[in-house]
Structure formats: C-alpha cells, structure tokens
N, C-alpha and C. Protein backbone atom coordinates (compact mmCIF):
# COMPACT_ATOMS: atom_id res chain seq x y z
N MET A 1 -41.95 -36.53 181.39
CA MET A 1 -42.57 -35.40 180.36
C MET A 1 -41.74 -35.69 178.72
N ASP A 2 -42.95 -35.32 178.02
CA ASP A 2 -42.22 -34.69 176.95
C ASP A 2 -41.58 -33.54 176.62
N ILE A 3 -40.61 -33.47 175.98
CA ILE A 3 -39.50 -31.93 176.12
C ILE A 3 -40.08 -30.97 175.90
N MET A 4 -41.27 -30.90 174.59
CA MET A 4 -42.00 -29.76 174.47
C MET A 4 -43.07 -29.35 175.38
N GLU A 5 -43.24 -30.18 176.58
CA GLU A 5 -44.29 -29.99 177.42
C GLU A 5 -43.71 -29.45 178.45
N VAL A 6 -42.01 -29.64 178.56
CA VAL A 6 -41.33 -29.26 179.69
C VAL A 6 -40.79 -27.65 179.23
N ILE A 7 -40.39 -27.83 178.00
CA ILE A 7 -40.59 -26.08 177.30
C ILE A 7 -41.41 -25.15 177.79
N LYS A 8 -42.77 -25.69 177.78
CA LYS A 8 -44.08 -25.08 177.66
C LYS A 8 -44.44 -24.62 178.99
N ASP A 9 -43.93 -25.47 179.99
CA ASP A 9 -44.39 -25.59 181.34
C ASP A 9 -43.27 -24.36 181.99
N GLN A 10 -41.65 -24.56 181.17
CA GLN A 10 -40.80 -23.21 181.77
C GLN A 10 -41.36 -21.88 181.57
N ILE A 11 -41.87 -22.20 180.02
CA ILE A 11 -42.30 -20.46 179.60
C ILE A 11 -43.28 -20.09 180.30
N GLU A 12 -44.62 -20.93 180.86
CA GLU A 12 -45.65 -20.46 181.09
C GLU A 12 -45.54 -20.38 182.93
N ASN A 13 -44.53 -20.84 183.33
CA ASN A 13 -44.36 -20.72 184.81
C ASN A 13 -43.26 -19.85 185.29
N ASN A 14 -42.47 -19.18 183.92
CA ASN A 14 -41.51 -18.29 184.21
C ASN A 14 -42.20 -16.71 183.87
N ALA A 15 -42.39 -15.72 184.48
CA ALA A 15 -42.84 -14.29 183.53
C ALA A 15 -41.73 -13.73 182.98
N VAL A 16 -40.40 -14.28 182.82
CA VAL A 16 -39.35 -13.87 182.27
C VAL A 16 -38.10 -14.79 182.29
N ILE A 17 -37.96 -15.77 181.12
CA ILE A 17 -37.25 -16.37 180.99
C ILE A 17 -35.98 -16.28 180.04
N LEU A 18 -34.83 -16.52 179.85
CA LEU A 18 -33.88 -16.19 179.12
C LEU A 18 -33.27 -18.00 179.26
N TYR A 19 -33.41 -18.21 177.61
CA TYR A 19 -32.63 -19.57 177.20
C TYR A 19 -31.24 -19.37 176.65
N MET A 20 -30.10 -19.40 177.28
CA MET A 20 -29.01 -18.94 176.87
C MET A 20 -27.90 -20.00 177.15
N LYS A 21 -26.74 -19.52 176.44
CA LYS A 21 -25.61 -20.64 176.63
C LYS A 21 -24.55 -19.99 177.59
N GLY A 22 -24.75 -20.92 178.72
CA GLY A 22 -24.20 -20.56 179.85
C GLY A 22 -24.97 -20.08 181.10
N THR A 23 -24.38 -19.42 181.72
CA THR A 23 -25.29 -18.70 183.19
C THR A 23 -25.01 -17.37 183.06
N PRO A 24 -26.11 -16.52 183.86
CA PRO A 24 -25.84 -15.10 183.92
C PRO A 24 -24.28 -14.73 183.99
N GLN A 25 -24.05 -15.65 185.55
CA GLN A 25 -22.80 -15.43 185.86
C GLN A 25 -21.49 -15.87 185.12
N PHE A 26 -21.84 -16.70 184.05
CA PHE A 26 -20.87 -17.23 183.24
C PHE A 26 -21.26 -17.40 181.78
N PRO A 27 -21.38 -16.61 181.16
CA PRO A 27 -22.10 -16.57 179.88
C PRO A 27 -20.94 -17.52 178.76
N GLN A 28 -21.38 -18.45 178.02
CA GLN A 28 -20.81 -19.09 177.28
C GLN A 28 -20.68 -19.18 175.88
N CYS A 29 -21.50 -17.39 175.38
CA CYS A 29 -20.97 -17.12 173.92
C CYS A 29 -21.09 -15.67 173.85
N GLY A 30 -20.71 -14.79 173.29
CA GLY A 30 -20.84 -13.34 172.96
C GLY A 30 -22.14 -12.91 172.79
N PHE A 31 -23.13 -13.66 172.41
CA PHE A 31 -24.46 -12.97 172.36
C PHE A 31 -25.25 -13.31 173.65
N SER A 32 -24.89 -14.15 174.37
CA SER A 32 -25.47 -14.48 175.90
C SER A 32 -25.00 -13.35 176.65
N ALA A 33 -23.64 -13.54 176.56
CA ALA A 33 -23.28 -12.25 177.39
C ALA A 33 -23.71 -11.03 177.23
N ARG A 34 -23.94 -10.34 175.79
CA ARG A 34 -24.55 -9.62 175.64
C ARG A 34 -26.37 -9.27 176.02
N ALA A 35 -27.02 -10.41 175.97
CA ALA A 35 -28.19 -10.59 176.50
C ALA A 35 -28.19 -10.49 177.94
N VAL A 36 -27.56 -11.16 178.66
CA VAL A 36 -27.35 -10.66 180.25
C VAL A 36 -26.87 -9.25 180.38
N GLU A 37 -26.27 -8.65 179.63
CA GLU A 37 -25.60 -7.71 180.06
C GLU A 37 -26.93 -6.52 179.78
N VAL A 38 -27.80 -6.70 178.98
CA VAL A 38 -28.65 -5.67 178.95
C VAL A 38 -30.09 -6.40 179.63
N MET A 39 -30.09 -7.53 180.28
CA MET A 39 -31.08 -7.66 181.30
C MET A 39 -30.59 -7.09 182.79
N THR A 40 -29.53 -7.43 182.84
CA THR A 40 -29.11 -7.12 184.11
C THR A 40 -29.02 -5.50 184.30
N ALA A 41 -28.63 -4.59 183.06
CA ALA A 41 -28.95 -3.38 182.93
C ALA A 41 -30.52 -2.86 183.25
N VAL A 42 -31.57 -3.58 183.04
CA VAL A 42 -32.85 -3.32 183.29
C VAL A 42 -33.22 -3.38 184.66
N GLY A 43 -32.33 -4.46 185.02
CA GLY A 43 -32.61 -4.62 186.85
C GLY A 43 -33.69 -5.29 187.37
N LYS A 44 -34.32 -6.26 186.67
CA LYS A 44 -35.20 -6.62 187.15
C LYS A 44 -35.27 -8.44 187.12
N PRO A 45 -35.55 -9.48 188.02
CA PRO A 45 -35.47 -10.68 188.02
C PRO A 45 -35.93 -11.45 186.70
N PHE A 46 -34.96 -12.29 186.39
CA PHE A 46 -35.14 -13.19 185.36
C PHE A 46 -34.77 -14.76 185.35
N ALA A 47 -35.31 -15.41 184.91
CA ALA A 47 -34.92 -17.43 185.14
C ALA A 47 -34.31 -17.36 183.95
N TYR A 48 -33.51 -18.52 183.98
CA TYR A 48 -32.74 -18.51 182.60
C TYR A 48 -32.78 -20.08 182.78
N VAL A 49 -32.23 -20.55 181.15
CA VAL A 49 -31.82 -22.50 181.29
C VAL A 49 -30.72 -22.35 180.44
N ASN A 50 -29.70 -22.88 181.00
CA ASN A 50 -28.38 -23.18 180.25
C ASN A 50 -28.87 -24.27 179.33
N ILE A 51 -28.55 -23.88 177.91
CA ILE A 51 -29.02 -24.90 177.29
C ILE A 51 -27.87 -25.71 176.66
N LEU A 52 -26.57 -25.26 177.40
CA LEU A 52 -25.37 -26.29 176.94
C LEU A 52 -25.69 -27.35 177.85
N GLU A 53 -26.20 -27.36 179.17
CA GLU A 53 -26.57 -28.70 180.13
C GLU A 53 -27.76 -29.16 179.63
N ALA A 54 -28.46 -28.94 178.58
CA ALA A 54 -30.00 -29.32 178.63
C ALA A 54 -30.00 -29.45 177.12
N PRO A 55 -29.20 -30.25 176.35
CA PRO A 55 -29.40 -30.57 175.03
C PRO A 55 -30.74 -31.03 174.42
N GLU A 56 -31.62 -31.39 175.46
CA GLU A 56 -32.92 -31.71 174.42
C GLU A 56 -33.71 -30.39 174.50
N ILE A 57 -33.65 -29.37 175.37
CA ILE A 57 -33.95 -28.00 175.17
C ILE A 57 -33.59 -27.35 173.82
N ARG A 58 -31.93 -27.30 173.99
CA ARG A 58 -31.32 -27.02 172.78
C ARG A 58 -31.78 -27.00 171.56
N SER A 59 -32.07 -28.69 171.46
CA SER A 59 -32.47 -29.04 170.12
C SER A 59 -33.82 -28.79 169.51
N SER A 60 -35.07 -28.69 170.77
CA SER A 60 -36.13 -28.68 170.51
C SER A 60 -36.70 -27.12 170.68
N LEU A 61 -36.05 -26.15 171.37
CA LEU A 61 -36.82 -24.74 171.66
C LEU A 61 -36.43 -24.32 170.06
N PRO A 62 -35.73 -24.39 169.11
CA PRO A 62 -35.78 -23.57 167.91
C PRO A 62 -37.52 -23.88 166.91
N LYS A 63 -37.52 -25.29 167.31
CA LYS A 63 -38.81 -25.83 166.75
C LYS A 63 -40.05 -25.37 167.53
N TYR A 64 -40.23 -25.00 168.89
CA TYR A 64 -41.04 -24.53 169.74
C TYR A 64 -41.47 -23.56 169.59
N GLY A 65 -40.52 -22.44 169.28
CA GLY A 65 -40.58 -20.99 169.25
C GLY A 65 -40.75 -20.27 168.14
N ASN A 66 -40.39 -21.19 166.62
CA ASN A 66 -39.65 -21.30 165.46
C ASN A 66 -38.90 -19.66 165.37
N TRP A 67 -37.96 -20.16 166.14
CA TRP A 67 -36.50 -18.80 166.46
C TRP A 67 -35.43 -20.02 166.42
N PRO A 68 -34.40 -19.70 165.20
CA PRO A 68 -33.32 -20.93 165.26
C PRO A 68 -32.10 -20.37 166.42
N THR A 69 -32.08 -19.27 166.52
CA THR A 69 -31.09 -19.07 167.44
C THR A 69 -31.08 -19.01 168.82
N PHE A 70 -29.77 -19.07 170.01
CA PHE A 70 -29.75 -18.47 171.05
C PHE A 70 -28.95 -17.36 171.49
N PRO A 71 -29.24 -16.54 172.36
CA PRO A 71 -30.27 -16.81 173.23
C PRO A 71 -31.57 -16.58 172.92
N GLN A 72 -32.90 -16.78 173.68
CA GLN A 72 -34.13 -16.69 173.32
C GLN A 72 -34.71 -16.02 174.84
N LEU A 73 -35.20 -14.75 174.46
CA LEU A 73 -35.49 -14.22 175.62
C LEU A 73 -37.31 -14.04 175.52
N TRP A 74 -38.60 -14.98 176.50
CA TRP A 74 -39.66 -14.89 176.79
C TRP A 74 -39.94 -13.97 177.78
N ILE A 75 -41.00 -13.31 177.53
CA ILE A 75 -41.81 -12.73 178.38
C ILE A 75 -43.29 -12.76 178.34
N LYS A 76 -43.95 -13.18 179.47
CA LYS A 76 -45.02 -13.80 179.76
C LYS A 76 -45.84 -14.35 178.72
N GLY A 77 -44.79 -15.51 178.27
CA GLY A 77 -45.05 -16.28 177.19
C GLY A 77 -45.16 -16.04 175.61
N GLU A 78 -44.66 -14.91 175.36
CA GLU A 78 -44.15 -14.16 174.33
C GLU A 78 -42.58 -14.31 173.84
N LEU A 79 -42.26 -14.77 172.87
CA LEU A 79 -40.97 -15.04 172.19
C LEU A 79 -40.70 -13.52 171.95
N ILE A 80 -39.95 -12.74 172.49
CA ILE A 80 -38.89 -11.52 172.19
C ILE A 80 -38.12 -11.77 171.16
N GLY A 81 -37.29 -12.20 171.31
CA GLY A 81 -36.06 -12.61 170.57
C GLY A 81 -34.60 -12.88 171.01
N GLY A 82 -33.79 -12.33 170.43
CA GLY A 82 -32.24 -12.46 170.69
C GLY A 82 -31.75 -11.32 170.87
N SER A 83 -30.22 -11.30 171.04
CA SER A 83 -29.55 -10.47 172.01
C SER A 83 -29.52 -9.10 171.23
N ASP A 84 -29.66 -9.01 169.57
CA ASP A 84 -29.76 -8.10 169.03
C ASP A 84 -30.93 -7.18 169.09
N ILE A 85 -32.30 -8.01 169.24
CA ILE A 85 -33.45 -7.28 169.39
C ILE A 85 -33.34 -6.81 170.86
N LEU A 86 -33.21 -7.33 171.69
CA LEU A 86 -32.93 -7.03 173.38
C LEU A 86 -32.20 -5.90 173.35
N LEU A 87 -31.01 -5.77 173.05
CA LEU A 87 -30.21 -4.38 172.83
C LEU A 87 -30.95 -2.92 172.28
N GLU A 88 -31.78 -3.53 171.25
CA GLU A 88 -32.40 -2.32 170.17
C GLU A 88 -33.83 -2.03 171.26
N MET A 89 -34.27 -2.73 172.13
CA MET A 89 -35.55 -2.53 172.90
C MET A 89 -34.91 -2.05 173.90
N GLN A 90 -33.71 -2.21 174.48
CA GLN A 90 -33.21 -1.67 175.88
C GLN A 90 -33.11 -0.49 175.53
N ARG A 91 -32.30 -0.11 174.27
CA ARG A 91 -32.20 1.57 173.84
C ARG A 91 -33.35 2.11 173.73
N SER A 92 -34.39 1.68 173.29
CA SER A 92 -35.83 2.61 173.23
C SER A 92 -36.24 2.77 174.30
N GLY A 93 -36.20 1.76 175.43
CA GLY A 93 -36.90 1.76 176.93
C GLY A 93 -38.20 0.73 176.98
N GLU A 94 -38.39 0.16 175.30
CA GLU A 94 -39.18 -0.96 175.20
C GLU A 94 -39.00 -2.10 176.56
N LEU A 95 -38.12 -2.58 176.41
CA LEU A 95 -37.63 -3.50 177.34
C LEU A 95 -37.79 -3.42 178.63
N ALA A 96 -37.56 -2.37 179.19
CA ALA A 96 -37.61 -2.25 180.76
C ALA A 96 -39.16 -2.02 180.97
N GLN A 97 -39.90 -1.63 180.22
CA GLN A 97 -41.56 -1.49 180.25
C GLN A 97 -42.13 -2.78 180.33
N MET A 98 -41.48 -3.59 179.37
CA MET A 98 -42.20 -4.98 179.30
C MET A 98 -41.59 -5.78 180.33
N MET A 99 -40.51 -5.33 181.06
CA MET A 99 -40.01 -6.08 182.35
C MET A 99 -40.52 -5.75 183.75
N GLU A 100 -40.87 -4.63 183.26
CA GLU A 100 -41.40 -3.87 184.60
C GLU A 100 -43.20 -4.26 184.71
N GLU A 101 -43.55 -4.61 183.49
CA GLU A 101 -44.99 -5.15 183.52
C GLU A 101 -45.23 -6.84 184.16
N ALA A 102 -44.17 -7.53 183.45
CA ALA A 102 -43.91 -8.74 184.02
C ALA A 102 -43.54 -8.95 185.33
N ALA A 103 -42.88 -8.03 185.72
CA ALA A 103 -42.28 -8.12 187.08
C ALA A 103 -43.39 -7.90 188.32
N SER A 104 -44.62 -6.92 188.13
CA SER A 104 -45.30 -6.70 188.48
C SER A 104 -46.58 -7.86 188.49
N ASP A 105 -46.43 -9.05 187.79
CA ASP A 105 -47.09 -9.99 187.66
C ASP A 105 -46.57 -11.05 188.28
N MET A 106 -45.55 -10.91 188.98
CA MET A 106 -45.06 -11.83 189.77
C MET A 106 -45.24 -11.74 191.08
N PRO A 107 -45.45 -13.16 191.68
CA PRO A 107 -45.93 -13.29 192.99
C PRO A 107 -44.44 -12.53 193.94
N GLU A 108 -44.97 -11.89 195.12
CA GLU A 108 -43.82 -11.61 195.77
C GLU A 108 -43.14 -12.93 196.37
N GLN A 109 -41.70 -12.40 196.78
CA GLN A 109 -40.94 -13.74 197.42
C GLN A 109 -40.45 -13.56 198.63
C-alpha cells in the first residue's frame, strides 16, 4: 500500500490520532510531551503513531496535511495542529468539546 494511502487510512479509521515523536508513555521531544500532557488532561482515548519508528510517515505526513512540524493532532479527519494550538484549545475548552464529540462517534469497546 502506498504510504499516502496508509496515512489516509490511519486518519480515516481513528477518530482521534496524534502523530508524535515517541509514545505517550515515553515522548521523545518536548513538543510531543506537551501534546500528550494536554491530551491526557482531556481524558479521552486517542490513537498515536510514533513517527520515529515510521520514517516513511515522518517524511510524507507533512505533505499530506500541509503542516511541516510534529506533533500533529487529527480529529475526525481534520488536522487540528501542533502542541501550541492544542494547549490554546485546551485552555479555551474547545479541545475537550471536540474530543467529546469524537469519542461519542467511536464504537463501544
């Protein structure tokens, strides 16, 4: 499968997905750590991709979303942004609302 198709599939099949350096348990950069902190504070589940273990995604995702940096949060197929945007959205309450809506769209596990 073409890497752009893989990315599209990941974004379409995960209501909330964070492309980051490292894992939520062990972020590998300050921006990814801040993004995980914000996402954890919201308290809703999210998928993630460690771009350090997926160099093809790391090089192709910026072209796919027209966003040059990581982390990248996608909610319901829409690029939300990086850690600074997430922090701002958390402070305003907008992120919690978006995550709540996305969580309600996810199938029961």
